[in-house]
Amino acid sequence: MTRIVLLILMSAGVMLAQSHGYVFVAPGVASNSGNSAGLIHLGVGGEAILPMGIGAGAELGFLGRTSLDALGSLSLNGYYHFKRGGYWKPFATAGYSNFFTFTGHSNLANIGGGVNYWYKDHMGIKLEVLDHFSSGTNSANYLEFRFGFDFK
């Protein structure tokens, strides 16, 4: 009986969740062992937001650096939306990123924040700063400034 009640509550929470997708372009800087290079990150993602402002999302992208090598990217993030009414909706995010090539991959954490501006019911603009980073002997840092379009 407890499992049935829990399943009903979880289903109701998913049905009440708001969801949206987005595409983005993100110029930035990649740093590793004291060396830096410019980067451009292109991607697409989606997010589901529960009524209390907590959300979860995923995105897939392509990251190119000025050294002419390229990486694929996959991120899984948690979100908190501070304001759920009005046009401007600021948020904070943190999660896991995996940057990969055909020959290997790197596990990173990410943290950032930004704002979604919904200028129509189903269309908006995303502005965000996001830092992907790792620690240890091969520490890396990918700081990017994201510009994107939201859609519902």
C-alpha atoms as a PDB file:
ATOM      1  CA  MET A   1       0.000   0.000   0.000  1.00  0.00           C
ATOM      2  CA  THR A   2       2.838   2.401   0.853  1.00  0.00           C
ATOM      3  CA  ARG A   3       4.398   1.803  -2.550  1.00  0.00           C
ATOM      4  CA  ILE A   4       1.128   2.628  -4.323  1.00  0.00           C
ATOM      5  CA  VAL A   5       0.726   5.906  -2.402  1.00  0.00           C
ATOM      6  CA  LEU A   6       4.363   6.818  -3.123  1.00  0.00           C
ATOM      7  CA  LEU A   7       3.910   6.032  -6.813  1.00  0.00           C
ATOM      8  CA  ILE A   8       0.782   8.215  -7.012  1.00  0.00           C
ATOM      9  CA  LEU A   9       2.559  11.129  -5.283  1.00  0.00           C
ATOM     10  CA  MET A  10       5.574  10.839  -7.593  1.00  0.00           C
ATOM     11  CA  SER A  11       3.326  10.729 -10.674  1.00  0.00           C
ATOM     12  CA  ALA A  12       1.440  13.815  -9.494  1.00  0.00           C
ATOM     13  CA  GLY A  13       4.744  15.642  -8.949  1.00  0.00           C
ATOM     14  CA  VAL A  14       5.935  14.833 -12.463  1.00  0.00           C
ATOM     15  CA  MET A  15       2.600  15.957 -13.940  1.00  0.00           C
ATOM     16  CA  LEU A  16       2.837  19.277 -12.048  1.00  0.00           C
ATOM     17  CA  ALA A  17       6.409  19.855 -13.196  1.00  0.00           C
ATOM     18  CA  GLN A  18       7.089  22.529 -15.764  1.00  0.00           C
ATOM     19  CA  SER A  19       9.504  21.547 -18.451  1.00  0.00           C
ATOM     20  CA  HIS A  20      11.369  23.426 -21.127  1.00  0.00           C
ATOM     21  CA  GLY A  21      14.112  22.892 -23.649  1.00  0.00           C
ATOM     22  CA  TYR A  22      16.932  25.172 -24.715  1.00  0.00           C
ATOM     23  CA  VAL A  23      19.741  25.626 -27.207  1.00  0.00           C
ATOM     24  CA  PHE A  24      22.878  27.599 -26.379  1.00  0.00           C
ATOM     25  CA  VAL A  25      26.165  28.993 -27.628  1.00  0.00           C
ATOM     26  CA  ALA A  26      28.859  29.616 -25.027  1.00  0.00           C
ATOM     27  CA  PRO A  27      32.194  31.339 -25.621  1.00  0.00           C
ATOM     28  CA  GLY A  28      34.709  30.837 -22.840  1.00  0.00           C
ATOM     29  CA  VAL A  29      38.179  29.895 -21.660  1.00  0.00           C
ATOM     30  CA  ALA A  30      39.716  26.452 -21.068  1.00  0.00           C
ATOM     31  CA  SER A  31      42.587  26.272 -18.540  1.00  0.00           C
ATOM     32  CA  ASN A  32      44.790  23.278 -17.779  1.00  0.00           C
ATOM     33  CA  SER A  33      48.190  23.187 -16.022  1.00  0.00           C
ATOM     34  CA  GLY A  34      48.733  26.923 -16.422  1.00  0.00           C
ATOM     35  CA  ASN A  35      47.845  26.967 -20.138  1.00  0.00           C
ATOM     36  CA  SER A  36      44.713  28.694 -21.453  1.00  0.00           C
ATOM     37  CA  ALA A  37      42.834  28.575 -24.752  1.00  0.00           C
ATOM     38  CA  GLY A  38      39.595  30.064 -26.044  1.00  0.00           C
ATOM     39  CA  LEU A  39      36.627  27.747 -26.493  1.00  0.00           C
ATOM     40  CA  ILE A  40      33.146  27.684 -27.970  1.00  0.00           C
ATOM     41  CA  HIS A  41      30.470  25.334 -26.613  1.00  0.00           C
ATOM     42  CA  LEU A  42      27.278  24.591 -28.585  1.00  0.00           C
ATOM     43  CA  GLY A  43      24.509  22.455 -27.172  1.00  0.00           C
ATOM     44  CA  VAL A  44      20.925  21.509 -26.537  1.00  0.00           C
ATOM     45  CA  GLY A  45      19.253  20.549 -23.279  1.00  0.00           C
ATOM     46  CA  GLY A  46      16.079  20.220 -21.280  1.00  0.00           C
ATOM     47  CA  GLU A  47      14.871  20.717 -17.736  1.00  0.00           C
ATOM     48  CA  ALA A  48      11.895  19.762 -15.580  1.00  0.00           C
ATOM     49  CA  ILE A  49      10.993  22.072 -12.677  1.00  0.00           C
ATOM     50  CA  LEU A  50       8.784  21.078  -9.758  1.00  0.00           C
ATOM     51  CA  PRO A  51       6.414  23.693  -8.256  1.00  0.00           C
ATOM     52  CA  MET A  52       8.791  24.373  -5.318  1.00  0.00           C
ATOM     53  CA  GLY A  53      11.525  25.585  -7.722  1.00  0.00           C
ATOM     54  CA  ILE A  54      13.746  22.492  -7.696  1.00  0.00           C
ATOM     55  CA  GLY A  55      14.622  21.115 -11.125  1.00  0.00           C
ATOM     56  CA  ALA A  56      16.665  18.462 -12.919  1.00  0.00           C
ATOM     57  CA  GLY A  57      18.039  18.549 -16.425  1.00  0.00           C
ATOM     58  CA  ALA A  58      20.386  17.107 -19.007  1.00  0.00           C
ATOM     59  CA  GLU A  59      22.227  18.489 -22.013  1.00  0.00           C
ATOM     60  CA  LEU A  60      24.373  17.298 -24.886  1.00  0.00           C
ATOM     61  CA  GLY A  61      26.877  19.445 -26.731  1.00  0.00           C
ATOM     62  CA  PHE A  62      29.996  19.979 -28.768  1.00  0.00           C
ATOM     63  CA  LEU A  63      32.976  21.877 -27.395  1.00  0.00           C
ATOM     64  CA  GLY A  64      35.678  23.271 -29.693  1.00  0.00           C
ATOM     65  CA  ARG A  65      38.907  24.884 -28.539  1.00  0.00           C
ATOM     66  CA  THR A  66      41.212  27.247 -30.407  1.00  0.00           C
ATOM     67  CA  SER A  67      43.862  24.516 -30.430  1.00  0.00           C
ATOM     68  CA  LEU A  68      41.585  22.895 -33.078  1.00  0.00           C
ATOM     69  CA  ASP A  69      40.671  19.833 -31.062  1.00  0.00           C
ATOM     70  CA  ALA A  70      37.050  19.106 -30.155  1.00  0.00           C
ATOM     71  CA  LEU A  71      35.130  17.362 -27.394  1.00  0.00           C
ATOM     72  CA  GLY A  72      31.624  16.058 -26.939  1.00  0.00           C
ATOM     73  CA  SER A  73      29.863  17.027 -23.717  1.00  0.00           C
ATOM     74  CA  LEU A  74      27.151  15.492 -21.572  1.00  0.00           C
ATOM     75  CA  SER A  75      25.905  17.149 -18.371  1.00  0.00           C
ATOM     76  CA  LEU A  76      23.381  16.139 -15.702  1.00  0.00           C
ATOM     77  CA  ASN A  77      22.393  19.018 -13.430  1.00  0.00           C
ATOM     78  CA  GLY A  78      20.233  20.008 -10.509  1.00  0.00           C
ATOM     79  CA  TYR A  79      18.635  23.478 -10.476  1.00  0.00           C
ATOM     80  CA  TYR A  80      17.029  25.851  -8.022  1.00  0.00           C
ATOM     81  CA  HIS A  81      14.795  28.617  -9.404  1.00  0.00           C
ATOM     82  CA  PHE A  82      14.555  31.536  -6.984  1.00  0.00           C
ATOM     83  CA  LYS A  83      11.521  33.253  -8.529  1.00  0.00           C
ATOM     84  CA  ARG A  84       8.791  31.300 -10.225  1.00  0.00           C
ATOM     85  CA  GLY A  85       6.497  34.148 -11.277  1.00  0.00           C
ATOM     86  CA  GLY A  86       7.011  36.955 -13.765  1.00  0.00           C
ATOM     87  CA  TYR A  87       9.200  37.267 -16.835  1.00  0.00           C
ATOM     88  CA  TRP A  88      12.657  37.121 -15.177  1.00  0.00           C
ATOM     89  CA  LYS A  89      13.485  33.782 -13.520  1.00  0.00           C
ATOM     90  CA  PRO A  90      16.956  33.588 -11.892  1.00  0.00           C
ATOM     91  CA  PHE A  91      18.442  30.172 -11.107  1.00  0.00           C
ATOM     92  CA  ALA A  92      21.475  28.390  -9.653  1.00  0.00           C
ATOM     93  CA  THR A  93      22.766  25.077 -10.991  1.00  0.00           C
ATOM     94  CA  ALA A  94      25.332  22.397 -10.149  1.00  0.00           C
ATOM     95  CA  GLY A  95      26.019  18.925 -11.427  1.00  0.00           C
ATOM     96  CA  TYR A  96      28.164  16.455 -13.323  1.00  0.00           C
ATOM     97  CA  SER A  97      29.798  16.928 -16.740  1.00  0.00           C
ATOM     98  CA  ASN A  98      31.551  14.412 -18.956  1.00  0.00           C
ATOM     99  CA  PHE A  99      33.742  15.720 -21.785  1.00  0.00           C
ATOM    100  CA  PHE A 100      34.616  12.958 -24.239  1.00  0.00           C
ATOM    101  CA  THR A 101      36.415  12.087 -27.473  1.00  0.00           C
ATOM    102  CA  PHE A 102      36.659   8.825 -29.414  1.00  0.00           C
ATOM    103  CA  THR A 103      39.711   7.868 -27.342  1.00  0.00           C
ATOM    104  CA  GLY A 104      38.811   8.941 -23.794  1.00  0.00           C
ATOM    105  CA  HIS A 105      36.815  11.113 -21.433  1.00  0.00           C
ATOM    106  CA  SER A 106      37.087  13.478 -18.453  1.00  0.00           C
ATOM    107  CA  ASN A 107      34.755  13.609 -15.451  1.00  0.00           C
ATOM    108  CA  LEU A 108      34.077  17.127 -14.174  1.00  0.00           C
ATOM    109  CA  ALA A 109      31.806  18.944 -11.753  1.00  0.00           C
ATOM    110  CA  ASN A 110      29.981  22.108 -12.777  1.00  0.00           C
ATOM    111  CA  ILE A 111      28.478  25.065 -10.957  1.00  0.00           C
ATOM    112  CA  GLY A 112      26.853  28.240 -12.189  1.00  0.00           C
ATOM    113  CA  GLY A 113      23.876  30.514 -12.321  1.00  0.00           C
ATOM    114  CA  GLY A 114      21.884  32.714 -14.596  1.00  0.00           C
ATOM    115  CA  VAL A 115      18.484  33.963 -15.584  1.00  0.00           C
ATOM    116  CA  ASN A 116      15.766  32.946 -18.019  1.00  0.00           C
ATOM    117  CA  TYR A 117      13.750  35.823 -19.468  1.00  0.00           C
ATOM    118  CA  TRP A 118      10.385  34.572 -20.805  1.00  0.00           C
ATOM    119  CA  TYR A 119       9.263  37.258 -23.257  1.00  0.00           C
ATOM    120  CA  LYS A 120       6.375  35.058 -24.499  1.00  0.00           C
ATOM    121  CA  ASP A 121       4.539  32.158 -22.855  1.00  0.00           C
ATOM    122  CA  HIS A 122       6.567  29.584 -24.759  1.00  0.00           C
ATOM    123  CA  MET A 123       9.747  31.449 -25.752  1.00  0.00           C
ATOM    124  CA  GLY A 124      12.583  32.923 -23.732  1.00  0.00           C
ATOM    125  CA  ILE A 125      16.225  33.917 -23.560  1.00  0.00           C
ATOM    126  CA  LYS A 126      18.818  32.198 -21.342  1.00  0.00           C
ATOM    127  CA  LEU A 127      21.859  34.045 -19.926  1.00  0.00           C
ATOM    128  CA  GLU A 128      24.182  31.934 -17.782  1.00  0.00           C
ATOM    129  CA  VAL A 129      27.732  31.628 -16.426  1.00  0.00           C
ATOM    130  CA  LEU A 130      28.887  28.026 -15.947  1.00  0.00           C
ATOM    131  CA  ASP A 131      32.206  26.627 -14.741  1.00  0.00           C
ATOM    132  CA  HIS A 132      33.131  22.989 -15.472  1.00  0.00           C
ATOM    133  CA  PHE A 133      36.111  21.893 -13.350  1.00  0.00           C
ATOM    134  CA  SER A 134      38.102  18.906 -12.157  1.00  0.00           C
ATOM    135  CA  SER A 135      40.796  18.502  -9.521  1.00  0.00           C
ATOM    136  CA  GLY A 136      43.872  16.346  -9.086  1.00  0.00           C
ATOM    137  CA  THR A 137      47.057  16.062 -11.110  1.00  0.00           C
ATOM    138  CA  ASN A 138      45.309  16.792 -14.434  1.00  0.00           C
ATOM    139  CA  SER A 139      42.966  19.502 -13.159  1.00  0.00           C
ATOM    140  CA  ALA A 140      41.026  21.395 -15.803  1.00  0.00           C
ATOM    141  CA  ASN A 141      38.700  24.393 -15.805  1.00  0.00           C
ATOM    142  CA  TYR A 142      36.221  25.388 -18.541  1.00  0.00           C
ATOM    143  CA  LEU A 143      34.574  28.739 -17.766  1.00  0.00           C
ATOM    144  CA  GLU A 144      31.853  29.740 -20.215  1.00  0.00           C
ATOM    145  CA  PHE A 145      29.300  32.507 -20.735  1.00  0.00           C
ATOM    146  CA  ARG A 146      26.114  31.062 -22.205  1.00  0.00           C
ATOM    147  CA  PHE A 147      23.574  32.742 -24.458  1.00  0.00           C
ATOM    148  CA  GLY A 148      20.573  30.687 -25.464  1.00  0.00           C
ATOM    149  CA  PHE A 149      16.938  30.355 -26.392  1.00  0.00           C
ATOM    150  CA  ASP A 150      14.355  28.625 -24.191  1.00  0.00           C
ATOM    151  CA  PHE A 151      11.230  26.965 -25.547  1.00  0.00           C
ATOM    152  CA  LYS A 152       8.232  25.148 -24.040  1.00  0.00           C
END
